[in-house]
Structures are given as C-alpha cells and as structure tokens.
Amino acid sequence: MCPGSSPLIRFRRHTCFCGGAGNPRRPPPDRASPQPRWIGTGYLIGAAAASWLALSGSSGAAQEYVRVEGPPSCATCRLVLEREVSLGGPDAPGVGPFFHLARDGRGRFLVAHDDAADEVGVYDSSGSFLRTLGRRGQGPGEWSRIYHLDAKGRFVYVTDPGNGRETVLDQDLAAVRAIPLRGSPRDVLVVSDSLRIMNTLLYSPELAGYPLHVVDLQGRLTASFGYGGGVVRQDREVDAWRRLAAASAGGFWASHMSRYLIERWTIGGERTLTVERVAAWFPDGSGRPAWEGPDVPPRPLIAGVWEDNEGLLWVAVAVPDREWSKAVSVTPDGAGYSALPGDYYDTMIEVLDPSSRRVVAGGRFDFMGHFTGNGRIAAYREDTAGMPWIDVFRIRIESERRLQHGPM
C-alpha cells in the first residue's frame, strides 16, 4: 500500500489507486498566475527568463482550442489489430500486469513490471527470451522500482524512482551514465539524449502544482509548467497525472488521465493546442476520487496517446470491463481489494483528427492496452495455465470498402 494511505484496491501483483487524507496546499501568492517557471542552477530566474521568453515568442501567443464531439465519422472504418509478437511464458522476466515496454534500435524488446521492478527482461524481435538485465541495488546497472523504459537512437533509458535516477544504456545494454531525477515520475518522454520531459509533482513552495518539467543531461530542471491554478492537494494527484507523447510539429502532447483533455506544448512551456473530447461514456473525472468502492465501476482513465504521420491522435482509454465486478475480490489479508487489470478494464481506442474536429474511427477491445509507439499497442494476459504474456499488436484503420474491393 502507499505510505499513509487507506486501503483501497490492489491489482494482482501491483498496488494501485491508493488514496489518503492528504494536506491541501495553497500556492504562494506569487503563483496566483499559472505561468511557466524558468529555473537556473538551483535558482528561479526572474527578469532574465522573462526576456528570454519574450525573445522566444512563447509568452503571449494564443493557444488553439478544439472540441471534438459525436461518434466516428467514417461509417465504413474499423480498427484492426494484428499480433506481431508475444513475450512471456513459464520463465518471463519483466512480464507482469503493469508493465513498461520499449523496443531498441536493434529490434529487441525490453520489458519490466512494477512488482519485479529491479530487473529488465530482454527479448528478440520474435519474442524469444535473451537475457535479464539488472538486480536490486544502487550501483551501475542496478535498480529499484523501475517505472519507465524508453529507447531512442542507440540508447535505452531506464527510470527508477526508487534510486531517483535515469540510467542510460548503450547498444550493448551496458550502463554508460546516470541522470538524477527528482520526485516520482508518472511518465517520461525522452526528447533527445540531452533532454527529457517529466511528469511528476514536486512539493516545494516554488514548484507545487506544476506537473510538467524539462530536465537536462545533468538532471537539472530548466523549466516547469502546466499549473492550472487553484488549490494543490496531495490526495488529488491524479489531476496532475499526464501521458506524454512526441508531437510531429515539434514539442509534445500531454494528455490528462482523469479528463479527456489533450494538450500540445512546446519545449519552452507554451501550450499551443488543447483538444477536448466530449463523450457521455467519459464523464469529467476532475472532481471525483480515483476509487469509490468495490460496488462502483471504475471511471475511465486515459492510458496513452500517440500521434501518427498524418497528424491523427490515437487515444487509448481504460474503461470498465463489461463484467468488471467479477474481477474484484477481497485480498487474503482483508486490507483491500484485488483485481487483474485486464479483467477490470477494457480499452477504448479512438482516432481523433484535430484539424477537422472529428472522431475518425474507434473500437473497444477486451484488454487493458498501452501504446508503444509506431502504430503498436501492447496488452498483458494470462493463458489457461496461468502463464503471463505480453502481446504486442500492430494497429491500423481499415475500411470495409477496401476489404471488399481491394486497394482504392
């Protein structure tokens, strides 16, 4: 369970949806206006940062707002999944219900999960197990509570908040350096080897409430932004959780998790586009707790976002499984409730076109899935023998007309 929390729900092999009394925190008077926070080496930069911000053109530009409503506009379109590879089996390092997955430049899959968060399983492009990386500890190649994996170019990035750092691995999967990180990141986007965006809350007077932070190669915060104003509450951290993805026009996407709201930001902290999806099946969760008891269906949560080469936004939403109540049971110690995520949630995938303000296509799938980039989504399952697997699917939009008549 989370420290200081009351017992709520525990997913099998993973503690989740913890809550507690928390202490409301009000921002100091100088933070009444939610502007980006520019940070130097340990000091807040005032006039100099303001001058740089003005020169960069990111202080006064108006952002665009797009509201998307209604059902999918393409009546003949459907989402098609094709299984590419399955990782797991009797001896499956890194495979678990809440997993983190990356594919490196050599086509290898690297996977870790929250309840074995001191090791990474390495699999080849066909899904065959190759080796295990790491062990529990604080030295090079040792980890504690891995929470994110990423791969870009010739490097692999392993984030473990337990050690407060990100470890960078080379093509031979050897540790080449470590970058200190503050807080407990919910998500990390590697922009380049020297720059990453981190979603976390930092409870200091000058940074409380800012969910997005730019981190350099030395682990320094160079900018913090995304604060929406109002009271900052530790028991409402879900309001600050974001899913991050690269934006084709530069910058990045940050999707809220408890609201169907997706924002595009520049690296400099300017919000250039807000996409709000309005759907009756996704009520605004900003005023509700994350867990309301074993007899209340879970609320929808954004599980991931990804932009394709055509500028379409693919959004994965965790929605209550049609038989979600059968997945919930009391834990043996009686301190909470247990559920397998894939039985508790389904995944609703929608493809949004911000330029036309419409939903292009959508579909519901009987698993809890996570985008892994490049048109792929991955999901955990257990076979009839109880063996754990992660299935990696390619996903695309297919038209019935194309299926019937061939390429158009």
Protein backbone atom coordinates (compact mmCIF):
# COMPACT_ATOMS: atom_id res chain seq x y z
CA MET A 1 0.00 0.00 0.00
CA CYS A 2 1.02 3.63 -0.43
CA PRO A 3 2.52 5.15 2.73
CA GLY A 4 -0.06 6.87 4.85
CA SER A 5 -2.98 5.74 2.69
CA SER A 6 -6.19 3.99 3.49
CA PRO A 7 -6.71 0.50 1.99
CA LEU A 8 -8.47 0.70 -1.36
CA ILE A 9 -7.83 -1.54 -4.34
CA ARG A 10 -4.82 -3.69 -5.07
CA PHE A 11 -4.37 -5.09 -8.53
CA ARG A 12 -2.82 -8.53 -8.56
CA ARG A 13 0.95 -8.09 -8.34
CA HIS A 14 0.51 -4.33 -8.17
CA THR A 15 -0.73 -1.81 -5.63
CA CYS A 16 -2.80 0.88 -7.25
CA PHE A 17 -5.40 3.58 -6.66
CA CYS A 18 -4.06 4.47 -3.25
CA GLY A 19 -5.58 7.44 -1.50
CA GLY A 20 -5.19 9.21 1.78
CA ALA A 21 -6.27 12.24 3.70
CA GLY A 22 -3.50 14.40 2.27
CA ASN A 23 -2.95 18.01 3.20
CA PRO A 24 -4.31 20.69 0.89
CA ARG A 25 -1.59 23.08 -0.19
CA ARG A 26 -2.29 26.54 -1.46
CA PRO A 27 0.19 28.09 -3.84
CA PRO A 28 2.16 31.01 -2.50
CA PRO A 29 0.93 34.48 -3.52
CA ASP A 30 3.46 34.85 -6.35
CA ARG A 31 1.96 31.80 -8.09
CA ALA A 32 -1.55 33.15 -8.48
CA SER A 33 -1.00 33.30 -12.23
CA PRO A 34 -0.13 29.86 -13.66
CA GLN A 35 2.85 30.80 -15.84
CA PRO A 36 5.85 28.64 -16.81
CA ARG A 37 8.55 28.53 -14.17
CA TRP A 38 12.05 29.05 -15.58
CA ILE A 39 14.79 27.56 -13.48
CA GLY A 40 18.54 28.02 -13.45
CA THR A 41 21.07 26.12 -11.39
CA GLY A 42 19.07 25.95 -8.20
CA TYR A 43 17.60 29.46 -8.56
CA LEU A 44 14.48 30.91 -10.10
CA ILE A 45 15.40 33.32 -12.87
CA GLY A 46 13.28 36.48 -12.94
CA ALA A 47 13.89 39.27 -15.45
CA ALA A 48 16.44 37.32 -17.48
CA ALA A 49 13.99 34.45 -18.01
CA ALA A 50 11.21 36.87 -18.88
CA SER A 51 13.42 38.49 -21.51
CA TRP A 52 14.35 35.10 -22.99
CA LEU A 53 10.69 34.09 -23.00
CA ALA A 54 9.74 37.24 -24.91
CA LEU A 55 12.51 36.72 -27.45
CA SER A 56 11.48 33.09 -27.97
CA GLY A 57 7.94 34.16 -28.80
CA SER A 58 6.34 31.87 -26.22
CA SER A 59 4.92 34.35 -23.74
CA GLY A 60 1.87 35.82 -25.41
CA ALA A 61 0.74 33.59 -28.26
CA ALA A 62 -2.87 32.43 -28.03
CA GLN A 63 -3.45 28.72 -27.96
CA GLU A 64 -5.99 26.99 -30.18
CA TYR A 65 -8.90 25.09 -28.64
CA VAL A 66 -10.56 22.17 -30.46
CA ARG A 67 -13.73 20.46 -29.24
CA VAL A 68 -14.44 17.01 -30.64
CA GLU A 69 -17.93 15.54 -30.31
CA GLY A 70 -20.08 12.80 -31.78
CA PRO A 71 -19.49 9.23 -32.96
CA PRO A 72 -16.85 8.18 -35.52
CA SER A 73 -17.39 9.97 -38.82
CA CYS A 74 -16.23 7.07 -41.01
CA ALA A 75 -19.09 4.56 -41.05
CA THR A 76 -17.07 2.01 -43.06
CA CYS A 77 -13.91 2.19 -40.96
CA ARG A 78 -12.82 -0.16 -38.21
CA LEU A 79 -9.69 -0.65 -36.15
CA VAL A 80 -7.74 -3.80 -36.92
CA LEU A 81 -5.22 -5.44 -34.59
CA GLU A 82 -2.59 -7.88 -35.84
CA ARG A 83 -0.50 -9.68 -33.25
CA GLU A 84 3.18 -9.10 -34.01
CA VAL A 85 4.85 -10.92 -31.13
CA SER A 86 4.16 -12.40 -27.68
CA LEU A 87 6.62 -12.05 -24.81
CA GLY A 88 6.46 -14.36 -21.82
CA GLY A 89 5.93 -17.95 -20.84
CA PRO A 90 6.98 -20.07 -17.83
CA ASP A 91 10.10 -18.00 -17.19
CA ALA A 92 9.23 -14.47 -18.21
CA PRO A 93 11.44 -11.78 -16.64
CA GLY A 94 9.84 -8.37 -16.77
CA VAL A 95 6.37 -9.61 -17.77
CA GLY A 96 3.54 -8.56 -15.47
CA PRO A 97 0.14 -6.80 -15.39
CA PHE A 98 1.55 -3.28 -15.04
CA PHE A 99 4.45 -3.36 -17.45
CA HIS A 100 6.79 -0.91 -19.16
CA LEU A 101 7.91 -1.76 -22.67
CA ALA A 102 10.43 -0.34 -25.15
CA ARG A 103 11.92 -1.51 -28.43
CA ASP A 104 15.53 -0.56 -29.12
CA GLY A 105 17.36 0.19 -32.34
CA ARG A 106 18.23 -3.48 -32.84
CA GLY A 107 14.61 -4.60 -32.67
CA ARG A 108 14.88 -6.05 -29.17
CA PHE A 109 12.03 -5.70 -26.71
CA LEU A 110 12.87 -4.60 -23.18
CA VAL A 111 10.21 -5.04 -20.53
CA ALA A 112 9.86 -4.51 -16.78
CA HIS A 113 6.86 -4.55 -14.46
CA ASP A 114 6.07 -2.89 -11.18
CA ASP A 115 6.26 -5.92 -8.88
CA ALA A 116 9.67 -7.05 -10.17
CA ALA A 117 10.94 -3.54 -10.61
CA ASP A 118 14.63 -4.30 -10.21
CA GLU A 119 15.15 -6.22 -13.46
CA VAL A 120 14.54 -5.86 -17.18
CA GLY A 121 13.75 -8.78 -19.46
CA VAL A 122 15.29 -8.62 -22.94
CA TYR A 123 13.58 -10.44 -25.86
CA ASP A 124 14.48 -10.59 -29.54
CA SER A 125 12.19 -9.40 -32.35
CA SER A 126 10.48 -12.81 -32.49
CA GLY A 127 9.73 -12.83 -28.76
CA SER A 128 12.44 -15.27 -27.69
CA PHE A 129 13.99 -14.52 -24.31
CA LEU A 130 17.61 -13.36 -24.48
CA ARG A 131 18.74 -12.23 -21.05
CA THR A 132 17.89 -10.43 -17.84
CA LEU A 133 19.37 -7.04 -17.01
CA GLY A 134 19.96 -5.65 -13.55
CA ARG A 135 19.29 -6.52 -9.97
CA ARG A 136 18.16 -4.66 -6.89
CA GLY A 137 20.66 -2.10 -5.70
CA GLN A 138 22.06 1.37 -6.16
CA GLY A 139 25.12 0.71 -8.31
CA PRO A 140 25.53 0.85 -12.11
CA GLY A 141 23.02 -1.44 -13.79
CA GLU A 142 21.12 -1.88 -10.52
CA TRP A 143 17.63 -0.54 -10.00
CA SER A 144 14.85 -0.01 -7.51
CA ARG A 145 11.24 0.35 -8.65
CA ILE A 146 11.59 0.76 -12.41
CA TYR A 147 8.76 2.93 -13.66
CA HIS A 148 9.61 3.76 -17.25
CA LEU A 149 11.52 2.36 -20.21
CA ASP A 150 12.34 4.20 -23.42
CA ALA A 151 14.62 3.74 -26.41
CA LYS A 152 15.79 6.36 -28.87
CA GLY A 153 18.57 6.04 -31.41
CA ARG A 154 21.39 3.99 -29.96
CA PHE A 155 20.42 4.38 -26.30
CA VAL A 156 17.97 2.80 -23.86
CA TYR A 157 16.66 4.77 -20.89
CA VAL A 158 15.59 3.15 -17.60
CA THR A 159 13.87 5.32 -14.99
CA ASP A 160 13.73 4.03 -11.44
CA PRO A 161 12.32 6.50 -8.88
CA GLY A 162 13.49 4.19 -6.08
CA ASN A 163 17.02 5.38 -6.82
CA GLY A 164 15.90 8.79 -8.04
CA ARG A 165 17.60 8.49 -11.39
CA GLU A 166 17.53 7.52 -15.03
CA THR A 167 20.14 5.04 -16.27
CA VAL A 168 21.31 5.29 -19.89
CA LEU A 169 22.35 2.05 -21.61
CA ASP A 170 24.29 1.74 -24.85
CA GLN A 171 23.65 -0.67 -27.76
CA ASP A 172 25.32 -3.48 -25.80
CA LEU A 173 22.94 -2.71 -22.89
CA ALA A 174 25.79 -1.58 -20.67
CA ALA A 175 25.27 1.39 -18.35
CA VAL A 176 27.08 4.48 -19.66
CA ARG A 177 25.75 7.16 -17.29
CA ALA A 178 23.09 8.03 -14.75
CA ILE A 179 20.96 11.17 -14.58
CA PRO A 180 19.46 12.20 -11.21
CA LEU A 181 15.71 12.79 -11.26
CA ARG A 182 13.50 14.46 -8.68
CA GLY A 183 10.15 13.20 -7.50
CA SER A 184 8.34 10.05 -8.63
CA PRO A 185 7.68 10.43 -12.37
CA ARG A 186 4.37 9.16 -13.71
CA ASP A 187 5.69 9.40 -17.26
CA VAL A 188 8.89 10.47 -19.01
CA LEU A 189 9.37 11.47 -22.64
CA VAL A 190 12.92 11.34 -23.99
CA VAL A 191 13.09 14.22 -26.47
CA SER A 192 16.80 13.71 -27.18
CA ASP A 193 19.75 12.24 -25.36
CA SER A 194 20.26 15.55 -23.59
CA LEU A 195 16.63 16.50 -22.93
CA ARG A 196 13.54 14.87 -21.49
CA ILE A 197 10.09 15.89 -20.27
CA MET A 198 9.00 14.53 -16.90
CA ASN A 199 5.51 14.37 -15.40
CA THR A 200 5.70 14.50 -11.63
CA LEU A 201 4.60 16.65 -8.71
CA LEU A 202 7.27 18.32 -6.59
CA TYR A 203 6.07 19.61 -3.25
CA SER A 204 8.24 22.68 -2.77
CA PRO A 205 6.86 26.23 -2.38
CA GLU A 206 8.02 27.34 -5.82
CA LEU A 207 7.09 24.18 -7.78
CA ALA A 208 3.97 22.76 -6.13
CA GLY A 209 1.26 22.28 -8.75
CA TYR A 210 3.46 22.20 -11.84
CA PRO A 211 3.05 18.75 -13.48
CA LEU A 212 5.48 19.14 -16.41
CA HIS A 213 9.22 19.65 -16.14
CA VAL A 214 12.07 19.95 -18.63
CA VAL A 215 15.15 18.05 -17.44
CA ASP A 216 18.65 18.42 -18.88
CA LEU A 217 21.52 15.93 -19.10
CA GLN A 218 22.64 16.72 -15.54
CA GLY A 219 19.15 16.19 -14.14
CA ARG A 220 18.51 19.90 -13.61
CA LEU A 221 15.02 21.30 -14.07
CA THR A 222 15.28 24.04 -16.68
CA ALA A 223 11.56 24.81 -16.88
CA SER A 224 8.34 23.76 -15.14
CA PHE A 225 4.83 24.47 -16.45
CA GLY A 226 1.25 23.22 -16.78
CA TYR A 227 -0.06 24.54 -13.45
CA GLY A 228 -3.74 25.38 -13.82
CA GLY A 229 -4.19 27.46 -10.69
CA GLY A 230 -6.21 26.72 -7.57
CA VAL A 231 -5.58 24.50 -4.57
CA VAL A 232 -2.84 21.87 -4.79
CA ARG A 233 -3.90 18.70 -2.96
CA GLN A 234 -1.74 15.66 -2.33
CA ASP A 235 -4.84 13.45 -2.24
CA ARG A 236 -5.78 14.65 -5.75
CA GLU A 237 -2.52 13.86 -7.51
CA VAL A 238 -4.46 12.10 -10.28
CA ASP A 239 -5.42 15.55 -11.55
CA ALA A 240 -1.75 16.17 -12.35
CA TRP A 241 -1.02 12.81 -13.99
CA ARG A 242 -0.23 13.03 -17.68
CA ARG A 243 0.53 10.66 -20.53
CA LEU A 244 3.27 12.05 -22.78
CA ALA A 245 3.97 11.59 -26.48
CA ALA A 246 6.03 13.34 -29.14
CA ALA A 247 4.24 15.81 -31.43
CA SER A 248 5.01 15.77 -35.14
CA ALA A 249 5.04 19.59 -35.30
CA GLY A 250 7.64 19.70 -32.53
CA GLY A 251 7.12 19.77 -28.81
CA PHE A 252 4.95 17.12 -27.17
CA TRP A 253 1.45 16.01 -26.23
CA ALA A 254 0.35 15.74 -22.61
CA SER A 255 -2.99 14.01 -22.06
CA HIS A 256 -4.79 14.31 -18.75
CA MET A 257 -5.70 10.95 -17.24
CA SER A 258 -8.95 11.71 -15.40
CA ARG A 259 -10.24 14.07 -18.11
CA TYR A 260 -10.47 13.56 -21.87
CA LEU A 261 -8.26 16.58 -22.46
CA ILE A 262 -5.08 16.53 -24.54
CA GLU A 263 -2.67 19.46 -24.74
CA ARG A 264 0.20 20.18 -27.10
CA TRP A 265 3.14 22.04 -25.58
CA THR A 266 6.38 23.46 -26.84
CA ILE A 267 9.57 22.54 -25.02
CA GLY A 268 9.62 26.15 -23.89
CA GLY A 269 6.36 25.76 -21.97
CA GLU A 270 3.84 27.28 -24.39
CA ARG A 271 0.53 25.44 -24.76
CA THR A 272 -0.31 25.71 -28.45
CA LEU A 273 -3.34 23.42 -28.78
CA THR A 274 -5.97 21.91 -26.49
CA VAL A 275 -8.11 19.05 -27.77
CA GLU A 276 -11.18 18.25 -25.65
CA ARG A 277 -13.17 15.15 -26.45
CA VAL A 278 -16.77 15.28 -25.24
CA ALA A 279 -18.39 11.87 -24.83
CA ALA A 280 -21.13 10.67 -22.49
CA TRP A 281 -19.18 7.49 -21.73
CA PHE A 282 -16.25 9.57 -20.38
CA PRO A 283 -17.65 11.92 -17.71
CA ASP A 284 -15.30 14.62 -16.46
CA GLY A 285 -13.48 13.00 -13.55
CA SER A 286 -11.70 16.09 -12.24
CA GLY A 287 -13.95 16.31 -9.19
CA ARG A 288 -14.16 12.62 -8.34
CA PRO A 289 -11.83 10.35 -6.39
CA ALA A 290 -9.96 7.62 -8.22
CA TRP A 291 -11.69 4.84 -6.27
CA GLU A 292 -15.22 4.84 -4.92
CA GLY A 293 -15.55 1.33 -3.53
CA PRO A 294 -15.92 -2.24 -4.78
CA ASP A 295 -19.55 -1.77 -5.85
CA VAL A 296 -18.92 1.25 -8.11
CA PRO A 297 -17.50 0.73 -11.61
CA PRO A 298 -14.08 2.29 -12.21
CA ARG A 299 -14.12 5.58 -14.03
CA PRO A 300 -12.42 5.88 -17.41
CA LEU A 301 -8.75 6.85 -17.47
CA ILE A 302 -6.56 7.88 -20.39
CA ALA A 303 -3.98 5.10 -20.77
CA GLY A 304 -1.97 6.60 -23.62
CA VAL A 305 -1.80 8.90 -26.62
CA TRP A 306 0.16 8.71 -29.86
CA GLU A 307 0.33 10.87 -33.00
CA ASP A 308 0.75 9.19 -36.37
CA ASN A 309 2.39 10.54 -39.54
CA GLU A 310 -0.89 12.04 -40.75
CA GLY A 311 -1.36 14.13 -37.63
CA LEU A 312 -4.12 11.91 -36.22
CA LEU A 313 -4.24 11.41 -32.46
CA TRP A 314 -4.69 7.83 -31.28
CA VAL A 315 -6.05 7.71 -27.75
CA ALA A 316 -6.28 4.61 -25.54
CA VAL A 317 -8.85 4.88 -22.75
CA ALA A 318 -9.24 2.35 -19.95
CA VAL A 319 -12.99 1.83 -19.50
CA PRO A 320 -14.84 -0.56 -17.15
CA ASP A 321 -14.92 -4.13 -18.40
CA ARG A 322 -18.48 -5.26 -19.04
CA GLU A 323 -18.06 -7.75 -16.19
CA TRP A 324 -15.71 -5.63 -14.09
CA SER A 325 -17.43 -6.52 -10.79
CA LYS A 326 -16.47 -10.19 -11.20
CA ALA A 327 -12.80 -9.17 -11.24
CA VAL A 328 -12.88 -7.60 -7.76
CA SER A 329 -12.22 -9.71 -4.67
CA VAL A 330 -11.08 -9.10 -1.12
CA THR A 331 -7.35 -9.62 -0.56
CA PRO A 332 -6.35 -12.51 1.74
CA ASP A 333 -5.30 -10.09 4.47
CA GLY A 334 -8.64 -8.28 4.26
CA ALA A 335 -6.89 -4.92 3.84
CA GLY A 336 -8.18 -4.11 0.37
CA TYR A 337 -9.42 -5.47 -2.93
CA SER A 338 -7.67 -7.35 -5.69
CA ALA A 339 -8.27 -7.40 -9.45
CA LEU A 340 -6.43 -8.38 -12.61
CA PRO A 341 -6.33 -5.20 -14.72
CA GLY A 342 -7.30 -6.95 -17.96
CA ASP A 343 -10.48 -8.29 -16.30
CA TYR A 344 -11.24 -4.97 -14.59
CA TYR A 345 -10.74 -2.74 -17.65
CA ASP A 346 -11.32 -2.82 -21.39
CA THR A 347 -9.60 -0.42 -23.77
CA MET A 348 -11.49 2.04 -25.93
CA ILE A 349 -9.28 3.27 -28.78
CA GLU A 350 -10.31 6.42 -30.63
CA VAL A 351 -8.60 8.16 -33.53
CA LEU A 352 -9.10 11.94 -33.41
CA ASP A 353 -8.48 14.42 -36.22
CA PRO A 354 -7.89 17.82 -34.56
CA SER A 355 -7.88 19.65 -37.90
CA SER A 356 -11.44 18.57 -38.77
CA ARG A 357 -12.63 18.33 -35.14
CA ARG A 358 -13.97 14.82 -35.58
CA VAL A 359 -13.51 11.24 -34.46
CA VAL A 360 -12.27 9.27 -37.46
CA ALA A 361 -12.65 5.76 -36.05
CA GLY A 362 -12.97 3.88 -32.79
CA GLY A 363 -13.17 0.45 -31.27
CA ARG A 364 -13.38 -1.38 -27.96
CA PHE A 365 -11.04 -4.24 -27.06
CA ASP A 366 -11.15 -6.79 -24.26
CA PHE A 367 -7.81 -5.93 -22.68
CA MET A 368 -6.04 -3.07 -20.92
CA GLY A 369 -3.61 -1.78 -23.54
CA HIS A 370 -0.74 0.68 -23.74
CA PHE A 371 0.66 2.34 -26.84
CA THR A 372 4.30 1.57 -27.53
CA GLY A 373 4.67 3.99 -30.46
CA ASN A 374 4.98 3.39 -34.20
CA GLY A 375 1.45 2.04 -34.57
CA ARG A 376 1.70 -0.58 -31.83
CA ILE A 377 -0.25 -1.34 -28.70
CA ALA A 378 0.63 -3.94 -26.05
CA ALA A 379 -1.52 -5.78 -23.51
CA TYR A 380 -0.98 -8.25 -20.68
CA ARG A 381 -2.82 -11.56 -20.43
CA GLU A 382 -2.58 -14.90 -18.65
CA ASP A 383 -3.21 -18.11 -20.56
CA THR A 384 -5.32 -21.04 -19.34
CA ALA A 385 -2.31 -22.41 -17.45
CA GLY A 386 -1.79 -19.09 -15.69
CA MET A 387 1.35 -18.23 -17.66
CA PRO A 388 1.99 -14.47 -18.11
CA TRP A 389 2.26 -12.93 -21.58
CA ILE A 390 2.52 -9.52 -23.17
CA ASP A 391 1.05 -9.38 -26.67
CA VAL A 392 2.31 -6.66 -28.99
CA PHE A 393 -0.13 -5.72 -31.77
CA ARG A 394 0.12 -3.56 -34.84
CA ILE A 395 -2.96 -1.38 -35.12
CA ARG A 396 -4.39 0.34 -38.18
CA ILE A 397 -7.60 1.77 -39.62
CA GLU A 398 -9.22 -0.46 -42.23
CA SER A 399 -12.15 0.49 -44.46
CA GLU A 400 -14.82 -2.10 -45.31
CA ARG A 401 -14.77 -0.80 -48.87
CA ARG A 402 -11.05 -1.51 -49.05
CA LEU A 403 -11.58 -5.01 -47.65
CA GLN A 404 -14.30 -5.77 -50.21
CA HIS A 405 -12.78 -4.20 -53.31
CA GLY A 406 -9.05 -4.16 -52.66
CA PRO A 407 -6.80 -1.07 -52.59
CA MET A 408 -8.53 2.16 -53.57
